[in-house]
Amino acid sequence: MTDYRAESRARWAGTAGGWEADGEAMRRATMPVSTWLVEAIAPQPGHTVLELAAGLGETGFLAAELIQPGGELITSDFVPEMLSAAQRRAEELRLRNVRFRQVDAELNMDFPAGSIDGVLCRWGYMLLADPESALRETRRVLRPGGRVALAAWTGPEENRWSADPVRALVERGLIERADPDAPGQFAWAREGVIAEHLENAGFVEHEVEQVNFVNAYGSVADWFEAQTRLSMRVGDVARSLDDATLASVLAELAERAAEFTREDGSLFIPARTWVAAATA
C-alpha cells in the first residue's frame, strides 16, 4: 500500500501540468458532473465544505459562492503540484473564502470530528488503495446529517475517450493490461459497488445515479495528445513511440472513433460516470 501511494503521488505530480493546461476544456465538459455533486450536498451560507482529491478545484469552487457569507471551502489534494494549480485558478476567479490543505484522504485528515458540513470528491475514492478507510474518515469529519457527494467512472465501454488509447497501446504490448481488481479509473464501475462502500463506511440514505457528458477534440491527434498530458502511463509510452508506431496508433484510433467524428475531423466522444451522495 505504501508503494502504491508513492507511485500515485509521483503519477499525479507528473501530470498536474497537463491537467492545468487542459483545464478549460475539462471544466466545460464535466460541468454537469460538478453541478450534480454540489447540488447534492446542498451548500448553505456559513457552511464549511471540504473537497478531497480536488485537482484543479473546479467542483469545490462552484460551492464557494453558495456558502457566502461566512462559509469556507477547504480545497485539498495529496500532491502539492495540484494544490498550486488550484490556487492559481482560485486567484483567477478572485475567490477569497478558500483555504488550501495537503490531505491524504486515506489517513487521519486532521480535522475535528463533526467539523465539516459537506464533502465533495470527484473521481477520487476509486483511485485509493483503501477507499473505505477514506470514506470512514470522511464520515468522521462530517457533522451528523452532513452530506458526501462523489463521482466514480462507469465502465470502459461507456468511456472510450480514455479506454481506447490505452487499449491501442496494450494491444501492441506497450502497456501492461491493468489489474481489474486494483485501484484505478474503472475500479468502481460495477453497479452496486458504490452503495456497498458507502454502507460499509456507515453512511445512510445513499443515492446513486449516472451522468452523461461529451469530451470534444479537434482531431484524432489532439485526442491522443490530450491523453498523454492527463495520463502519465500513456504519456511515458507515447514519448517513446517511433513515427511508424505513432501513425499506426492514430490510424487505429481514427477507425475506432469513426462514429464520433465529424466531417471536419473533430471528435465528440461520450463519457459516463456514476454520481452518488449519502448522509453521515
Protein backbone atom coordinates (compact mmCIF):
# COMPACT_ATOMS: atom_id res chain seq x y z
CA MET A 1 0.00 0.00 0.00
CA THR A 2 2.90 2.36 0.82
CA ASP A 3 4.46 1.68 -2.59
CA TYR A 4 1.13 2.31 -4.33
CA ARG A 5 0.70 5.65 -2.55
CA ALA A 6 4.23 6.70 -3.54
CA GLU A 7 3.60 5.72 -7.15
CA SER A 8 0.28 7.56 -7.12
CA ARG A 9 1.90 10.72 -5.75
CA ALA A 10 4.53 10.62 -8.47
CA ARG A 11 1.93 9.99 -11.17
CA TRP A 12 -0.30 12.91 -10.16
CA ALA A 13 2.62 15.25 -9.57
CA GLY A 14 3.85 14.42 -13.07
CA THR A 15 0.51 15.12 -14.73
CA ALA A 16 -0.53 18.25 -12.80
CA GLY A 17 0.80 20.48 -15.57
CA GLY A 18 -1.20 18.62 -18.20
CA TRP A 19 -4.39 18.86 -16.17
CA GLU A 20 -3.84 22.59 -15.73
CA ALA A 21 -3.15 23.06 -19.45
CA ASP A 22 -6.39 21.27 -20.34
CA GLY A 23 -8.33 22.87 -17.51
CA GLU A 24 -10.73 24.96 -19.57
CA ALA A 25 -11.80 22.06 -21.79
CA MET A 26 -12.31 19.82 -18.78
CA ARG A 27 -14.32 22.48 -16.94
CA ARG A 28 -16.74 22.80 -19.86
CA ALA A 29 -17.11 19.09 -20.46
CA THR A 30 -17.51 17.99 -16.84
CA MET A 31 -19.77 20.80 -15.63
CA PRO A 32 -22.85 18.51 -15.45
CA VAL A 33 -20.98 16.26 -13.03
CA SER A 34 -19.70 19.05 -10.82
CA THR A 35 -23.11 20.69 -10.72
CA TRP A 36 -24.78 17.43 -9.62
CA LEU A 37 -22.27 16.94 -6.82
CA VAL A 38 -22.57 20.47 -5.47
CA GLU A 39 -26.36 20.38 -5.52
CA ALA A 40 -26.29 17.02 -3.72
CA ILE A 41 -24.60 18.46 -0.61
CA ALA A 42 -26.96 21.49 -0.57
CA PRO A 43 -24.37 24.10 0.49
CA GLN A 44 -25.73 26.96 2.59
CA PRO A 45 -24.30 30.30 3.80
CA GLY A 46 -21.93 29.68 6.69
CA HIS A 47 -21.19 26.06 5.76
CA THR A 48 -17.71 24.55 5.73
CA VAL A 49 -17.20 22.44 2.62
CA LEU A 50 -14.24 20.12 2.04
CA GLU A 51 -13.20 18.95 -1.42
CA LEU A 52 -10.99 15.85 -1.43
CA ALA A 53 -8.68 14.94 -4.33
CA ALA A 54 -9.65 18.33 -5.70
CA GLY A 55 -7.21 18.50 -8.58
CA LEU A 56 -7.77 21.95 -10.10
CA GLY A 57 -10.55 22.57 -7.56
CA GLU A 58 -13.31 23.37 -10.01
CA THR A 59 -16.06 21.38 -8.30
CA GLY A 60 -15.47 22.97 -4.92
CA PHE A 61 -15.15 26.42 -6.44
CA LEU A 62 -18.76 26.14 -7.59
CA ALA A 63 -19.74 25.83 -3.94
CA ALA A 64 -17.57 28.70 -2.69
CA GLU A 65 -20.06 31.43 -3.61
CA LEU A 66 -23.02 29.45 -2.30
CA ILE A 67 -21.59 29.27 1.23
CA GLN A 68 -21.11 33.03 1.48
CA PRO A 69 -21.36 34.91 3.73
CA GLY A 70 -19.40 33.25 6.48
CA GLY A 71 -18.66 29.93 4.82
CA GLU A 72 -15.31 28.38 3.99
CA LEU A 73 -14.20 26.00 1.27
CA ILE A 74 -11.24 23.75 2.04
CA THR A 75 -9.64 22.64 -1.21
CA SER A 76 -7.40 19.62 -0.68
CA ASP A 77 -5.24 17.25 -2.65
CA PHE A 78 -2.42 14.94 -1.68
CA VAL A 79 0.13 16.37 -4.14
CA PRO A 80 1.34 19.98 -3.79
CA GLU A 81 1.60 20.40 -7.56
CA MET A 82 -2.17 20.03 -7.92
CA LEU A 83 -2.78 22.38 -4.99
CA SER A 84 -0.58 25.01 -6.61
CA ALA A 85 -2.59 24.74 -9.82
CA ALA A 86 -5.83 25.03 -7.84
CA GLN A 87 -4.52 28.12 -6.06
CA ARG A 88 -3.75 29.78 -9.38
CA ARG A 89 -7.28 29.03 -10.57
CA ALA A 90 -8.79 30.44 -7.37
CA GLU A 91 -6.81 33.63 -7.86
CA GLU A 92 -8.17 33.92 -11.41
CA LEU A 93 -11.70 33.58 -10.01
CA ARG A 94 -10.91 36.03 -7.17
CA LEU A 95 -12.18 33.63 -4.54
CA ARG A 96 -11.49 34.79 -1.01
CA ASN A 97 -13.13 32.12 1.15
CA VAL A 98 -10.92 29.20 0.09
CA ARG A 99 -8.24 27.52 2.22
CA PHE A 100 -5.80 25.04 0.70
CA ARG A 101 -4.62 21.91 2.52
CA GLN A 102 -2.48 18.94 1.53
CA VAL A 103 -4.59 15.98 2.67
CA ASP A 104 -4.25 12.22 2.20
CA ALA A 105 -7.86 11.06 2.38
CA GLU A 106 -6.89 7.54 3.49
CA LEU A 107 -5.13 8.79 6.61
CA ASN A 108 -6.26 10.95 9.50
CA MET A 109 -7.47 14.15 7.85
CA ASP A 110 -6.51 16.29 10.82
CA PHE A 111 -9.95 17.89 11.01
CA PRO A 112 -12.03 17.69 14.20
CA ALA A 113 -14.90 15.21 14.21
CA GLY A 114 -18.15 16.75 13.03
CA SER A 115 -16.48 19.93 11.78
CA ILE A 116 -17.44 19.73 8.07
CA ASP A 117 -20.90 20.33 6.60
CA GLY A 118 -20.32 18.78 3.19
CA VAL A 119 -17.62 16.79 1.37
CA LEU A 120 -17.06 16.66 -2.38
CA CYS A 121 -14.86 14.10 -4.15
CA ARG A 122 -14.99 13.92 -7.94
CA TRP A 123 -13.23 10.79 -9.27
CA GLY A 124 -11.01 10.31 -6.26
CA TYR A 125 -12.11 7.47 -3.99
CA MET A 126 -11.83 4.73 -6.63
CA LEU A 127 -8.13 5.56 -7.08
CA LEU A 128 -7.27 4.93 -3.43
CA ALA A 129 -5.64 1.78 -2.07
CA ASP A 130 -8.09 1.75 0.86
CA PRO A 131 -11.19 3.69 -0.20
CA GLU A 132 -13.36 2.50 2.68
CA SER A 133 -10.82 3.89 5.15
CA ALA A 134 -11.14 7.22 3.34
CA LEU A 135 -14.93 7.04 3.45
CA ARG A 136 -14.91 6.24 7.18
CA GLU A 137 -12.61 9.20 7.76
CA THR A 138 -14.92 11.33 5.61
CA ARG A 139 -17.86 10.31 7.77
CA ARG A 140 -15.89 11.12 10.95
CA VAL A 141 -15.22 14.72 9.92
CA LEU A 142 -18.78 15.32 8.70
CA ARG A 143 -21.31 16.69 11.14
CA PRO A 144 -24.31 14.45 11.85
CA GLY A 145 -26.59 14.88 8.85
CA GLY A 146 -23.77 16.25 6.70
CA ARG A 147 -23.52 15.01 3.13
CA VAL A 148 -20.81 13.48 0.96
CA ALA A 149 -21.10 13.61 -2.83
CA LEU A 150 -18.76 11.66 -5.10
CA ALA A 151 -18.23 10.61 -8.68
CA ALA A 152 -16.71 7.36 -10.00
CA TRP A 153 -16.47 6.23 -13.59
CA THR A 154 -18.72 3.62 -15.16
CA GLY A 155 -17.05 1.04 -17.42
CA PRO A 156 -14.56 1.44 -20.27
CA GLU A 157 -17.18 0.85 -22.98
CA GLU A 158 -19.01 3.99 -21.81
CA ASN A 159 -15.73 5.92 -21.58
CA ARG A 160 -13.86 5.18 -24.77
CA TRP A 161 -12.32 8.66 -24.69
CA SER A 162 -9.85 7.24 -22.14
CA ALA A 163 -10.14 3.48 -22.70
CA ASP A 164 -9.45 3.32 -26.43
CA PRO A 165 -5.99 4.96 -26.38
CA VAL A 166 -4.92 2.62 -23.58
CA ARG A 167 -6.41 -0.35 -25.43
CA ALA A 168 -4.41 0.51 -28.56
CA LEU A 169 -1.18 0.59 -26.55
CA VAL A 170 -2.00 -2.62 -24.65
CA GLU A 171 -2.66 -4.49 -27.91
CA ARG A 172 0.82 -3.51 -29.11
CA GLY A 173 2.45 -4.74 -25.91
CA LEU A 174 3.48 -1.20 -24.97
CA ILE A 175 1.45 -1.06 -21.74
CA GLU A 176 0.50 -3.89 -19.43
CA ARG A 177 -3.18 -4.65 -19.10
CA ALA A 178 -4.50 -3.12 -15.86
CA ASP A 179 -5.43 -5.39 -12.95
CA PRO A 180 -9.25 -5.16 -12.78
CA ASP A 181 -9.13 -5.60 -9.01
CA ALA A 182 -6.59 -2.82 -8.44
CA PRO A 183 -7.41 0.84 -7.75
CA GLY A 184 -7.97 2.75 -10.96
CA GLN A 185 -10.36 4.64 -13.19
CA PHE A 186 -12.84 1.77 -13.52
CA ALA A 187 -12.43 0.16 -10.09
CA TRP A 188 -15.95 1.26 -9.06
CA ALA A 189 -17.60 0.69 -12.42
CA ARG A 190 -19.76 -2.28 -11.43
CA GLU A 191 -23.29 -1.37 -10.40
CA GLY A 192 -23.74 -1.65 -6.65
CA VAL A 193 -20.09 -1.13 -5.68
CA ILE A 194 -20.55 2.49 -4.62
CA ALA A 195 -23.57 1.75 -2.46
CA GLU A 196 -21.70 -1.13 -0.84
CA HIS A 197 -18.73 1.06 0.05
CA LEU A 198 -20.93 3.82 1.43
CA GLU A 199 -22.89 1.40 3.58
CA ASN A 200 -19.73 -0.28 4.88
CA ALA A 201 -18.41 3.13 5.93
CA GLY A 202 -21.60 3.86 7.90
CA PHE A 203 -23.34 6.28 5.53
CA VAL A 204 -27.12 6.22 5.16
CA GLU A 205 -29.74 7.49 2.71
CA HIS A 206 -27.47 6.99 -0.27
CA GLU A 207 -28.49 7.76 -3.84
CA VAL A 208 -26.60 6.68 -6.95
CA GLU A 209 -27.25 7.95 -10.48
CA GLN A 210 -25.49 8.27 -13.82
CA VAL A 211 -24.46 11.46 -15.61
CA ASN A 212 -23.50 11.62 -19.28
CA PHE A 213 -21.36 14.26 -20.94
CA VAL A 214 -19.16 14.65 -24.03
CA ASN A 215 -15.43 15.23 -24.48
CA ALA A 216 -14.55 17.28 -27.57
CA TYR A 217 -11.27 17.13 -29.50
CA GLY A 218 -10.11 18.95 -32.61
CA SER A 219 -8.73 15.80 -34.24
CA VAL A 220 -7.61 12.26 -33.51
CA ALA A 221 -4.10 13.58 -32.86
CA ASP A 222 -5.50 16.13 -30.39
CA TRP A 223 -7.38 13.33 -28.62
CA PHE A 224 -4.28 11.18 -28.22
CA GLU A 225 -2.14 14.15 -27.17
CA ALA A 226 -4.71 15.05 -24.51
CA GLN A 227 -4.42 11.56 -23.05
CA THR A 228 -0.63 11.85 -22.96
CA ARG A 229 -0.99 15.01 -20.87
CA LEU A 230 -3.60 13.62 -18.49
CA SER A 231 -2.18 10.13 -18.01
CA MET A 232 1.44 9.62 -17.00
CA ARG A 233 1.07 5.97 -18.01
CA VAL A 234 0.07 6.90 -21.56
CA GLY A 235 2.41 9.88 -21.73
CA ASP A 236 5.54 7.93 -20.84
CA VAL A 237 4.85 5.40 -23.60
CA ALA A 238 3.80 7.99 -26.17
CA ARG A 239 7.07 9.87 -25.84
CA SER A 240 8.96 6.70 -26.76
CA LEU A 241 6.98 5.86 -29.90
CA ASP A 242 8.68 5.99 -33.28
CA ASP A 243 6.86 7.72 -36.13
CA ALA A 244 5.58 4.50 -37.66
CA THR A 245 4.13 3.19 -34.42
CA LEU A 246 2.53 6.54 -33.60
CA ALA A 247 0.96 6.64 -37.06
CA SER A 248 -0.37 3.12 -36.53
CA VAL A 249 -1.89 4.06 -33.15
CA LEU A 250 -3.54 7.17 -34.59
CA ALA A 251 -4.92 5.21 -37.54
CA GLU A 252 -6.45 2.66 -35.19
CA LEU A 253 -7.95 5.39 -33.00
CA ALA A 254 -9.42 7.08 -36.08
CA GLU A 255 -11.09 3.81 -37.03
CA ARG A 256 -12.38 3.20 -33.51
CA ALA A 257 -13.79 6.72 -33.24
CA ALA A 258 -15.32 6.96 -36.70
CA GLU A 259 -18.84 7.07 -35.27
CA PHE A 260 -17.91 10.09 -33.13
CA THR A 261 -16.07 12.01 -35.88
CA ARG A 262 -17.50 14.94 -37.82
CA GLU A 263 -16.70 15.93 -41.39
CA ASP A 264 -14.08 18.46 -40.27
CA GLY A 265 -12.20 15.78 -38.32
CA SER A 266 -13.29 16.93 -34.88
CA LEU A 267 -14.43 14.32 -32.37
CA PHE A 268 -17.18 14.35 -29.75
CA ILE A 269 -16.74 11.23 -27.63
CA PRO A 270 -19.32 10.39 -24.96
CA ALA A 271 -18.46 9.81 -21.33
CA ARG A 272 -20.47 8.38 -18.46
CA THR A 273 -19.93 8.50 -14.71
CA TRP A 274 -21.66 7.37 -11.57
CA VAL A 275 -22.56 10.15 -9.13
CA ALA A 276 -23.59 9.41 -5.60
CA ALA A 277 -24.46 11.14 -2.36
CA ALA A 278 -25.09 9.92 1.18
CA THR A 279 -25.67 11.23 4.69
CA ALA A 280 -23.35 10.86 7.67
